[in-house]
Amino acid sequence: MSLSPAYSSYRAPSSPSFLARRRVATYFTGGTDGILPLVSALQQRGFKVHDLSVDIRDGVPESSMVCTVMVTNDDIDLLLDHLRDLPSVVSSELV
């Protein structure tokens, strides 16, 4: 049995760029004023948000936002870096 050259030259992509659900946890300061830039960053970058929860408590210096977004493997690091660059963000990580 012999394979044709068309099959032997096929190579699967090393890093597929399909969309996957990724859960991101971000800790930030500034309470309700601090969450606005985070949500705006997701919207402006065109990420589809499947769920989003925010925990803001009076008297606590840091608040948290956890969301699930549709993003490619190539873009997740860019998203995390962009969120980390916002002035109110303390940390942003995949969970």
Protein backbone atom coordinates (compact mmCIF):
# COMPACT_ATOMS: atom_id res chain seq x y z
CA MET A 1 0.00 0.00 0.00
CA SER A 2 1.38 3.37 -0.99
CA LEU A 3 0.34 6.76 0.29
CA SER A 4 -0.04 9.55 -2.20
CA PRO A 5 2.20 12.63 -1.80
CA ALA A 6 -0.83 14.73 -0.85
CA TYR A 7 -1.30 12.73 2.34
CA SER A 8 2.35 12.48 3.28
CA SER A 9 2.89 16.24 3.11
CA TYR A 10 -0.03 17.08 5.41
CA ARG A 11 0.95 18.52 8.78
CA ALA A 12 -1.46 19.27 11.58
CA PRO A 13 -1.22 22.81 12.97
CA SER A 14 1.01 22.95 16.05
CA SER A 15 -1.30 25.25 17.98
CA PRO A 16 -4.89 25.27 16.80
CA SER A 17 -6.57 28.65 16.90
CA PHE A 18 -10.09 27.52 17.71
CA LEU A 19 -12.13 29.27 20.38
CA ALA A 20 -12.23 27.65 23.81
CA ARG A 21 -13.90 28.62 27.06
CA ARG A 22 -11.37 29.97 29.53
CA ARG A 23 -12.11 30.93 33.12
CA VAL A 24 -10.24 34.04 34.27
CA ALA A 25 -9.98 35.35 37.85
CA THR A 26 -8.97 38.98 38.28
CA TYR A 27 -8.36 40.79 41.56
CA PHE A 28 -8.65 44.55 41.52
CA THR A 29 -8.93 47.65 43.70
CA GLY A 30 -11.34 50.54 43.53
CA GLY A 31 -14.64 48.77 44.14
CA THR A 32 -17.33 49.57 41.58
CA ASP A 33 -15.07 52.12 39.89
CA GLY A 34 -12.41 49.42 39.47
CA ILE A 35 -14.70 46.95 37.70
CA LEU A 36 -15.70 49.31 34.89
CA PRO A 37 -12.30 49.24 33.10
CA LEU A 38 -12.23 45.43 33.34
CA VAL A 39 -15.61 44.95 31.71
CA SER A 40 -14.80 47.62 29.12
CA ALA A 41 -11.54 45.83 28.23
CA LEU A 42 -13.41 42.58 27.58
CA GLN A 43 -16.03 44.35 25.47
CA GLN A 44 -13.59 46.48 23.46
CA ARG A 45 -11.44 43.45 22.62
CA GLY A 46 -14.53 41.60 21.38
CA PHE A 47 -14.41 38.69 23.83
CA LYS A 48 -17.69 36.85 24.24
CA VAL A 49 -18.35 36.58 27.98
CA HIS A 50 -20.38 33.51 29.01
CA ASP A 51 -20.61 34.29 32.69
CA LEU A 52 -19.30 37.00 34.94
CA SER A 53 -19.39 37.35 38.71
CA VAL A 54 -18.04 40.18 40.81
CA ASP A 55 -17.40 40.18 44.56
CA ILE A 56 -17.10 43.68 46.04
CA ARG A 57 -17.25 44.05 49.82
CA ASP A 58 -17.22 47.19 51.92
CA GLY A 59 -14.02 47.56 53.93
CA VAL A 60 -12.04 45.02 51.88
CA PRO A 61 -9.21 46.56 49.82
CA GLU A 62 -9.37 44.04 46.94
CA SER A 63 -12.37 42.83 44.98
CA SER A 64 -12.62 39.96 42.52
CA MET A 65 -14.10 39.29 39.11
CA VAL A 66 -14.39 35.78 37.69
CA CYS A 67 -15.55 35.30 34.12
CA THR A 68 -15.63 32.71 31.38
CA VAL A 69 -14.67 34.01 27.94
CA MET A 70 -14.34 32.49 24.48
CA VAL A 71 -10.71 32.94 23.41
CA THR A 72 -8.09 31.21 21.28
CA ASN A 73 -4.96 29.69 22.79
CA ASP A 74 -2.96 32.38 21.01
CA ASP A 75 -5.00 35.23 22.51
CA ILE A 76 -5.33 34.16 26.16
CA ASP A 77 -1.88 35.46 27.14
CA LEU A 78 -2.60 38.76 25.37
CA LEU A 79 -5.89 39.08 27.26
CA LEU A 80 -4.25 38.37 30.63
CA ASP A 81 -1.43 40.83 29.91
CA HIS A 82 -3.93 43.51 28.88
CA LEU A 83 -5.95 43.03 32.08
CA ARG A 84 -2.78 43.10 34.21
CA ASP A 85 -1.77 46.40 32.62
CA LEU A 86 -4.93 48.13 33.89
CA PRO A 87 -4.17 50.43 36.87
CA SER A 88 -6.80 48.88 39.17
CA VAL A 89 -5.72 45.25 38.58
CA VAL A 90 -3.66 43.46 41.23
CA SER A 91 -3.55 40.09 39.41
CA SER A 92 -5.26 38.18 36.60
CA GLU A 93 -4.87 34.42 36.09
CA LEU A 94 -6.50 31.39 34.50
CA VAL A 95 -8.46 29.26 36.98
